[in-house]
Amino acid sequence: MEINTDAPAVARGKIEVAAPPEVVWAVLTGIADWPSWNPDVKSATLDGPLAAGTQFRWKAGPGTITSTLRSVEPPRRIEWTGTTVGIKAIHVHQFEQQGEKTIVRSAESWDGLPVRLLRGSMAKTLQKAVDSGLRHLQAEAERRA
């Protein structure tokens, strides 16, 4: 699965983390722990195993998002889709080991009526969220390493 590159809001980010992929993977896939290291996330619960088809619910910003894991390939790639207030999101994280470090790539797309109506501001909001999420992931993974 890939993000919807034709969606009205698309964001991409990349960051180098001074930790092995297994550590970065453990931080990102510990979904229930997101609020402990990412201040943008107020709550998160995983409704089953970390496997394709499992749903999780999380609160970020003004809304609660219901997401479904689509692909789980430890420690290389994780993908999910999500919906909230008329917005359909697709998110992909990829991890690439480079020596003692990990390159994390994050891409997300938003589609739906609210995004089409507020294209510019929604695209900025999404890019800020992707960038912020990567910085918080980096900080926590490096702290654990």
N, C-alpha and C. Protein backbone atom coordinates (compact mmCIF):
# COMPACT_ATOMS: atom_id res chain seq x y z
N MET A 1 0.84 -1.18 0.00
CA MET A 1 0.00 0.00 0.00
C MET A 1 0.89 1.24 0.00
N GLU A 2 0.46 2.23 -0.70
CA GLU A 2 1.15 3.52 -0.73
C GLU A 2 0.15 4.60 -0.36
N ILE A 3 0.65 5.76 -0.04
CA ILE A 3 -0.25 6.86 0.22
C ILE A 3 -0.93 7.27 -1.08
N ASN A 4 -1.98 8.08 -0.97
CA ASN A 4 -2.69 8.58 -2.14
C ASN A 4 -2.02 9.88 -2.59
N THR A 5 -1.14 9.78 -3.56
CA THR A 5 -0.40 10.97 -4.00
C THR A 5 -1.28 11.99 -4.70
N ASP A 6 -2.52 11.61 -5.07
CA ASP A 6 -3.46 12.54 -5.68
C ASP A 6 -4.36 13.22 -4.65
N ALA A 7 -4.20 12.89 -3.37
CA ALA A 7 -5.05 13.48 -2.31
C ALA A 7 -4.75 14.97 -2.18
N PRO A 8 -5.71 15.74 -1.66
CA PRO A 8 -5.50 17.18 -1.51
C PRO A 8 -4.43 17.55 -0.49
N ALA A 9 -4.13 16.65 0.46
CA ALA A 9 -3.07 16.92 1.43
C ALA A 9 -2.13 15.71 1.45
N VAL A 10 -0.86 15.97 1.17
CA VAL A 10 0.17 14.92 1.17
C VAL A 10 1.38 15.48 1.90
N ALA A 11 1.95 14.68 2.78
CA ALA A 11 3.15 15.11 3.50
C ALA A 11 4.16 13.97 3.52
N ARG A 12 5.42 14.34 3.48
CA ARG A 12 6.51 13.37 3.56
C ARG A 12 7.56 13.93 4.50
N GLY A 13 8.23 13.03 5.22
CA GLY A 13 9.31 13.46 6.09
C GLY A 13 10.34 12.36 6.19
N LYS A 14 11.54 12.76 6.60
CA LYS A 14 12.66 11.82 6.73
C LYS A 14 13.53 12.32 7.86
N ILE A 15 14.02 11.40 8.69
CA ILE A 15 14.88 11.79 9.80
C ILE A 15 15.88 10.67 10.07
N GLU A 16 17.06 11.05 10.52
CA GLU A 16 18.09 10.08 10.89
C GLU A 16 18.04 9.90 12.41
N VAL A 17 17.96 8.66 12.84
CA VAL A 17 17.84 8.36 14.27
C VAL A 17 19.09 7.57 14.69
N ALA A 18 19.72 8.03 15.76
CA ALA A 18 20.92 7.36 16.27
C ALA A 18 20.50 6.18 17.15
N ALA A 19 19.89 5.18 16.51
CA ALA A 19 19.42 3.96 17.18
C ALA A 19 19.19 2.92 16.09
N PRO A 20 19.33 1.63 16.44
CA PRO A 20 19.06 0.59 15.44
C PRO A 20 17.57 0.50 15.10
N PRO A 21 17.25 -0.05 13.93
CA PRO A 21 15.84 -0.15 13.51
C PRO A 21 14.95 -0.85 14.53
N GLU A 22 15.48 -1.86 15.22
CA GLU A 22 14.66 -2.60 16.19
C GLU A 22 14.19 -1.70 17.34
N VAL A 23 15.03 -0.76 17.74
CA VAL A 23 14.64 0.17 18.81
C VAL A 23 13.59 1.16 18.30
N VAL A 24 13.83 1.70 17.11
CA VAL A 24 12.88 2.65 16.53
C VAL A 24 11.53 1.96 16.30
N TRP A 25 11.59 0.74 15.80
CA TRP A 25 10.38 -0.06 15.58
C TRP A 25 9.62 -0.26 16.89
N ALA A 26 10.33 -0.62 17.95
CA ALA A 26 9.68 -0.86 19.25
C ALA A 26 8.98 0.39 19.75
N VAL A 27 9.60 1.54 19.56
CA VAL A 27 8.97 2.80 20.00
C VAL A 27 7.70 3.05 19.19
N LEU A 28 7.80 2.99 17.87
CA LEU A 28 6.65 3.34 17.03
C LEU A 28 5.51 2.33 17.16
N THR A 29 5.83 1.06 17.31
CA THR A 29 4.77 0.05 17.34
C THR A 29 4.22 -0.19 18.74
N GLY A 30 4.79 0.45 19.74
CA GLY A 30 4.20 0.42 21.08
C GLY A 30 3.09 1.46 21.14
N ILE A 31 2.05 1.23 20.39
CA ILE A 31 1.00 2.24 20.16
C ILE A 31 0.39 2.76 21.45
N ALA A 32 0.12 1.90 22.41
CA ALA A 32 -0.48 2.35 23.67
C ALA A 32 0.44 3.32 24.43
N ASP A 33 1.73 3.28 24.14
CA ASP A 33 2.69 4.17 24.81
C ASP A 33 2.91 5.50 24.10
N TRP A 34 2.29 5.70 22.94
CA TRP A 34 2.50 6.95 22.20
C TRP A 34 2.35 8.20 23.08
N PRO A 35 1.30 8.30 23.92
CA PRO A 35 1.16 9.53 24.70
C PRO A 35 2.32 9.79 25.67
N SER A 36 3.07 8.77 26.03
CA SER A 36 4.17 8.96 26.98
C SER A 36 5.38 9.66 26.35
N TRP A 37 5.50 9.61 25.03
CA TRP A 37 6.65 10.25 24.38
C TRP A 37 6.29 11.25 23.29
N ASN A 38 5.02 11.25 22.86
CA ASN A 38 4.59 12.18 21.82
C ASN A 38 3.48 13.07 22.38
N PRO A 39 3.80 14.31 22.74
CA PRO A 39 2.79 15.19 23.34
C PRO A 39 1.63 15.53 22.40
N ASP A 40 1.77 15.24 21.10
CA ASP A 40 0.68 15.48 20.16
C ASP A 40 -0.43 14.43 20.28
N VAL A 41 -0.12 13.30 20.94
CA VAL A 41 -1.08 12.20 21.09
C VAL A 41 -1.58 12.18 22.53
N LYS A 42 -2.89 12.31 22.70
CA LYS A 42 -3.48 12.37 24.04
C LYS A 42 -3.83 10.99 24.60
N SER A 43 -4.19 10.05 23.72
CA SER A 43 -4.50 8.69 24.15
C SER A 43 -4.36 7.76 22.94
N ALA A 44 -4.11 6.47 23.23
CA ALA A 44 -3.99 5.48 22.14
C ALA A 44 -4.23 4.09 22.71
N THR A 45 -5.03 3.29 22.01
CA THR A 45 -5.27 1.91 22.41
C THR A 45 -5.26 1.02 21.18
N LEU A 46 -4.57 -0.10 21.30
CA LEU A 46 -4.50 -1.10 20.24
C LEU A 46 -5.50 -2.19 20.57
N ASP A 47 -6.38 -2.52 19.63
CA ASP A 47 -7.47 -3.48 19.88
C ASP A 47 -7.12 -4.91 19.47
N GLY A 48 -5.90 -5.34 19.73
CA GLY A 48 -5.51 -6.70 19.37
C GLY A 48 -4.02 -6.77 19.12
N PRO A 49 -3.58 -7.80 18.39
CA PRO A 49 -2.15 -7.95 18.14
C PRO A 49 -1.66 -6.94 17.10
N LEU A 50 -0.36 -6.73 17.08
CA LEU A 50 0.26 -5.86 16.08
C LEU A 50 0.33 -6.65 14.78
N ALA A 51 -0.77 -6.61 14.02
CA ALA A 51 -0.89 -7.41 12.80
C ALA A 51 -1.86 -6.71 11.86
N ALA A 52 -1.70 -6.98 10.57
CA ALA A 52 -2.62 -6.42 9.58
C ALA A 52 -4.06 -6.76 9.96
N GLY A 53 -4.93 -5.77 9.86
CA GLY A 53 -6.34 -5.95 10.18
C GLY A 53 -6.72 -5.48 11.58
N THR A 54 -5.75 -5.32 12.47
CA THR A 54 -6.03 -4.87 13.83
C THR A 54 -6.29 -3.37 13.84
N GLN A 55 -7.31 -2.97 14.59
CA GLN A 55 -7.63 -1.55 14.70
C GLN A 55 -6.97 -0.95 15.94
N PHE A 56 -6.74 0.36 15.86
CA PHE A 56 -6.34 1.11 17.05
C PHE A 56 -7.03 2.46 17.00
N ARG A 57 -7.25 3.00 18.19
CA ARG A 57 -7.92 4.30 18.31
C ARG A 57 -6.98 5.23 19.05
N TRP A 58 -6.91 6.46 18.56
CA TRP A 58 -6.03 7.41 19.20
C TRP A 58 -6.57 8.81 19.04
N LYS A 59 -6.22 9.65 20.00
CA LYS A 59 -6.68 11.03 19.99
C LYS A 59 -5.48 11.93 19.77
N ALA A 60 -5.56 12.71 18.70
CA ALA A 60 -4.53 13.69 18.36
C ALA A 60 -5.25 14.91 17.82
N GLY A 61 -4.90 16.07 18.32
CA GLY A 61 -5.62 17.26 17.88
C GLY A 61 -7.05 17.21 18.37
N PRO A 62 -7.97 17.73 17.58
CA PRO A 62 -9.35 17.82 18.05
C PRO A 62 -10.15 16.51 17.95
N GLY A 63 -9.64 15.53 17.22
CA GLY A 63 -10.47 14.36 16.96
C GLY A 63 -9.88 13.05 17.41
N THR A 64 -10.76 12.05 17.53
CA THR A 64 -10.32 10.68 17.78
C THR A 64 -10.28 9.98 16.43
N ILE A 65 -9.17 9.31 16.18
CA ILE A 65 -8.94 8.65 14.90
C ILE A 65 -9.06 7.15 15.09
N THR A 66 -9.84 6.50 14.23
CA THR A 66 -9.90 5.04 14.21
C THR A 66 -9.04 4.58 13.04
N SER A 67 -7.99 3.83 13.36
CA SER A 67 -7.04 3.38 12.34
C SER A 67 -7.02 1.87 12.26
N THR A 68 -6.63 1.37 11.11
CA THR A 68 -6.49 -0.08 10.89
C THR A 68 -5.11 -0.35 10.32
N LEU A 69 -4.37 -1.25 10.96
CA LEU A 69 -3.07 -1.65 10.45
C LEU A 69 -3.27 -2.38 9.14
N ARG A 70 -2.54 -2.01 8.11
CA ARG A 70 -2.66 -2.63 6.79
C ARG A 70 -1.49 -3.54 6.46
N SER A 71 -0.30 -3.18 6.96
CA SER A 71 0.89 -3.97 6.70
C SER A 71 1.84 -3.80 7.88
N VAL A 72 2.38 -4.91 8.36
CA VAL A 72 3.31 -4.89 9.48
C VAL A 72 4.49 -5.78 9.09
N GLU A 73 5.64 -5.16 8.82
CA GLU A 73 6.84 -5.89 8.40
C GLU A 73 8.01 -5.49 9.30
N PRO A 74 8.12 -6.11 10.49
CA PRO A 74 9.16 -5.70 11.43
C PRO A 74 10.56 -6.01 10.91
N PRO A 75 11.53 -5.19 11.17
CA PRO A 75 11.45 -3.78 11.60
C PRO A 75 11.64 -2.85 10.42
N ARG A 76 10.92 -3.10 9.32
CA ARG A 76 11.15 -2.35 8.07
C ARG A 76 10.04 -1.40 7.68
N ARG A 77 8.78 -1.81 7.91
CA ARG A 77 7.68 -1.02 7.35
C ARG A 77 6.40 -1.29 8.13
N ILE A 78 5.64 -0.22 8.37
CA ILE A 78 4.31 -0.36 8.95
C ILE A 78 3.40 0.65 8.25
N GLU A 79 2.19 0.21 7.95
CA GLU A 79 1.23 1.05 7.23
C GLU A 79 -0.12 0.96 7.92
N TRP A 80 -0.83 2.07 7.94
CA TRP A 80 -2.20 2.04 8.43
C TRP A 80 -3.06 3.06 7.71
N THR A 81 -4.36 2.84 7.77
CA THR A 81 -5.34 3.80 7.29
C THR A 81 -6.10 4.29 8.51
N GLY A 82 -6.72 5.45 8.37
CA GLY A 82 -7.48 5.99 9.48
C GLY A 82 -8.57 6.92 9.00
N THR A 83 -9.57 7.09 9.84
CA THR A 83 -10.66 8.01 9.52
C THR A 83 -11.03 8.82 10.75
N THR A 84 -11.41 10.07 10.49
CA THR A 84 -11.96 10.95 11.52
C THR A 84 -12.68 12.09 10.82
N VAL A 85 -13.81 12.47 11.32
CA VAL A 85 -14.63 13.58 10.81
C VAL A 85 -14.50 13.84 9.30
N GLY A 86 -14.77 12.83 8.51
CA GLY A 86 -14.77 12.98 7.06
C GLY A 86 -13.41 12.97 6.40
N ILE A 87 -12.36 12.71 7.16
CA ILE A 87 -11.01 12.64 6.60
C ILE A 87 -10.57 11.18 6.53
N LYS A 88 -10.05 10.79 5.38
CA LYS A 88 -9.49 9.45 5.20
C LYS A 88 -7.99 9.59 5.05
N ALA A 89 -7.26 8.93 5.94
CA ALA A 89 -5.80 9.05 5.94
C ALA A 89 -5.15 7.71 5.59
N ILE A 90 -3.99 7.80 4.97
CA ILE A 90 -3.12 6.63 4.74
C ILE A 90 -1.74 7.04 5.23
N HIS A 91 -1.14 6.21 6.09
CA HIS A 91 0.18 6.55 6.65
C HIS A 91 1.12 5.36 6.47
N VAL A 92 2.35 5.66 6.04
CA VAL A 92 3.38 4.65 5.83
C VAL A 92 4.66 5.10 6.52
N HIS A 93 5.23 4.22 7.34
CA HIS A 93 6.56 4.45 7.94
C HIS A 93 7.49 3.37 7.39
N GLN A 94 8.69 3.79 6.98
CA GLN A 94 9.72 2.86 6.51
C GLN A 94 11.00 3.11 7.30
N PHE A 95 11.72 2.02 7.61
CA PHE A 95 12.94 2.09 8.39
C PHE A 95 14.07 1.45 7.59
N GLU A 96 15.18 2.17 7.49
CA GLU A 96 16.33 1.66 6.75
C GLU A 96 17.58 1.81 7.62
N GLN A 97 18.24 0.69 7.89
CA GLN A 97 19.45 0.74 8.71
C GLN A 97 20.61 1.28 7.90
N GLN A 98 21.35 2.20 8.51
CA GLN A 98 22.59 2.71 7.92
C GLN A 98 23.63 2.73 9.03
N GLY A 99 24.43 1.67 9.08
CA GLY A 99 25.41 1.54 10.14
C GLY A 99 24.72 1.40 11.48
N GLU A 100 25.06 2.28 12.41
CA GLU A 100 24.46 2.26 13.76
C GLU A 100 23.17 3.08 13.81
N LYS A 101 22.77 3.65 12.69
CA LYS A 101 21.63 4.56 12.66
C LYS A 101 20.49 3.99 11.84
N THR A 102 19.35 4.65 11.96
CA THR A 102 18.17 4.27 11.18
C THR A 102 17.64 5.51 10.47
N ILE A 103 17.38 5.37 9.18
CA ILE A 103 16.69 6.41 8.43
C ILE A 103 15.20 6.06 8.48
N VAL A 104 14.41 6.99 9.00
CA VAL A 104 12.96 6.79 9.08
C VAL A 104 12.32 7.71 8.05
N ARG A 105 11.49 7.12 7.20
CA ARG A 105 10.71 7.88 6.23
C ARG A 105 9.24 7.73 6.60
N SER A 106 8.55 8.84 6.61
CA SER A 106 7.13 8.86 6.94
C SER A 106 6.40 9.58 5.82
N ALA A 107 5.29 9.01 5.38
CA ALA A 107 4.47 9.65 4.34
C ALA A 107 3.00 9.46 4.72
N GLU A 108 2.22 10.50 4.50
CA GLU A 108 0.80 10.43 4.84
C GLU A 108 0.00 11.24 3.84
N SER A 109 -1.20 10.75 3.55
CA SER A 109 -2.13 11.50 2.70
C SER A 109 -3.48 11.61 3.41
N TRP A 110 -4.14 12.73 3.17
CA TRP A 110 -5.49 12.97 3.68
C TRP A 110 -6.39 13.27 2.50
N ASP A 111 -7.57 12.66 2.49
CA ASP A 111 -8.58 12.93 1.49
C ASP A 111 -9.92 13.07 2.19
N GLY A 112 -10.90 13.60 1.50
CA GLY A 112 -12.24 13.78 2.07
C GLY A 112 -12.69 15.22 1.91
N LEU A 113 -13.97 15.45 2.10
CA LEU A 113 -14.55 16.77 1.88
C LEU A 113 -13.88 17.87 2.70
N PRO A 114 -13.64 17.69 4.01
CA PRO A 114 -13.00 18.77 4.76
C PRO A 114 -11.61 19.13 4.20
N VAL A 115 -10.89 18.13 3.72
CA VAL A 115 -9.55 18.38 3.18
C VAL A 115 -9.63 19.10 1.84
N ARG A 116 -10.61 18.71 1.03
CA ARG A 116 -10.76 19.38 -0.27
C ARG A 116 -11.19 20.85 -0.08
N LEU A 117 -12.02 21.12 0.92
CA LEU A 117 -12.50 22.48 1.17
C LEU A 117 -11.40 23.37 1.75
N LEU A 118 -10.53 22.79 2.57
CA LEU A 118 -9.49 23.55 3.28
C LEU A 118 -8.10 23.05 2.89
N ARG A 119 -7.93 22.80 1.62
CA ARG A 119 -6.72 22.16 1.08
C ARG A 119 -5.42 22.76 1.63
N GLY A 120 -5.24 24.06 1.53
CA GLY A 120 -3.98 24.70 1.95
C GLY A 120 -3.67 24.52 3.42
N SER A 121 -4.64 24.85 4.27
CA SER A 121 -4.39 24.76 5.72
C SER A 121 -4.26 23.30 6.17
N MET A 122 -5.01 22.41 5.55
CA MET A 122 -4.92 20.98 5.92
C MET A 122 -3.57 20.41 5.50
N ALA A 123 -3.06 20.81 4.35
CA ALA A 123 -1.74 20.33 3.91
C ALA A 123 -0.66 20.80 4.87
N LYS A 124 -0.74 22.06 5.33
CA LYS A 124 0.23 22.58 6.30
C LYS A 124 0.12 21.84 7.63
N THR A 125 -1.10 21.61 8.08
CA THR A 125 -1.33 20.88 9.33
C THR A 125 -0.74 19.48 9.26
N LEU A 126 -0.97 18.80 8.13
CA LEU A 126 -0.46 17.44 7.96
C LEU A 126 1.07 17.44 7.96
N GLN A 127 1.69 18.37 7.24
CA GLN A 127 3.16 18.39 7.20
C GLN A 127 3.73 18.66 8.58
N LYS A 128 3.12 19.57 9.33
CA LYS A 128 3.58 19.84 10.70
C LYS A 128 3.46 18.58 11.56
N ALA A 129 2.37 17.84 11.40
CA ALA A 129 2.15 16.62 12.19
C ALA A 129 3.20 15.55 11.86
N VAL A 130 3.49 15.37 10.58
CA VAL A 130 4.50 14.39 10.17
C VAL A 130 5.87 14.77 10.72
N ASP A 131 6.24 16.05 10.57
CA ASP A 131 7.54 16.51 11.05
C ASP A 131 7.65 16.37 12.57
N SER A 132 6.62 16.78 13.28
CA SER A 132 6.62 16.70 14.74
C SER A 132 6.69 15.24 15.20
N GLY A 133 5.92 14.38 14.57
CA GLY A 133 5.93 12.96 14.94
C GLY A 133 7.31 12.34 14.76
N LEU A 134 8.00 12.70 13.68
CA LEU A 134 9.34 12.18 13.45
C LEU A 134 10.32 12.68 14.50
N ARG A 135 10.23 13.96 14.86
CA ARG A 135 11.13 14.50 15.89
C ARG A 135 10.92 13.81 17.24
N HIS A 136 9.67 13.60 17.61
CA HIS A 136 9.37 12.93 18.88
C HIS A 136 9.82 11.47 18.86
N LEU A 137 9.61 10.79 17.72
CA LEU A 137 10.07 9.41 17.57
C LEU A 137 11.59 9.35 17.70
N GLN A 138 12.28 10.25 17.05
CA GLN A 138 13.74 10.31 17.13
C GLN A 138 14.20 10.47 18.58
N ALA A 139 13.61 11.42 19.28
CA ALA A 139 14.02 11.71 20.66
C ALA A 139 13.82 10.48 21.56
N GLU A 140 12.68 9.81 21.42
CA GLU A 140 12.41 8.66 22.29
C GLU A 140 13.28 7.47 21.93
N ALA A 141 13.47 7.20 20.65
CA ALA A 141 14.30 6.07 20.23
C ALA A 141 15.75 6.29 20.67
N GLU A 142 16.25 7.50 20.53
CA GLU A 142 17.62 7.79 20.96
C GLU A 142 17.75 7.71 22.47
N ARG A 143 16.71 8.12 23.19
CA ARG A 143 16.72 8.00 24.65
C ARG A 143 16.80 6.52 25.05
N ARG A 144 16.04 5.67 24.39
CA ARG A 144 16.03 4.24 24.72
C ARG A 144 17.32 3.53 24.30
N ALA A 145 17.94 4.03 23.22
CA ALA A 145 19.17 3.39 22.73
C ALA A 145 20.31 3.73 23.68
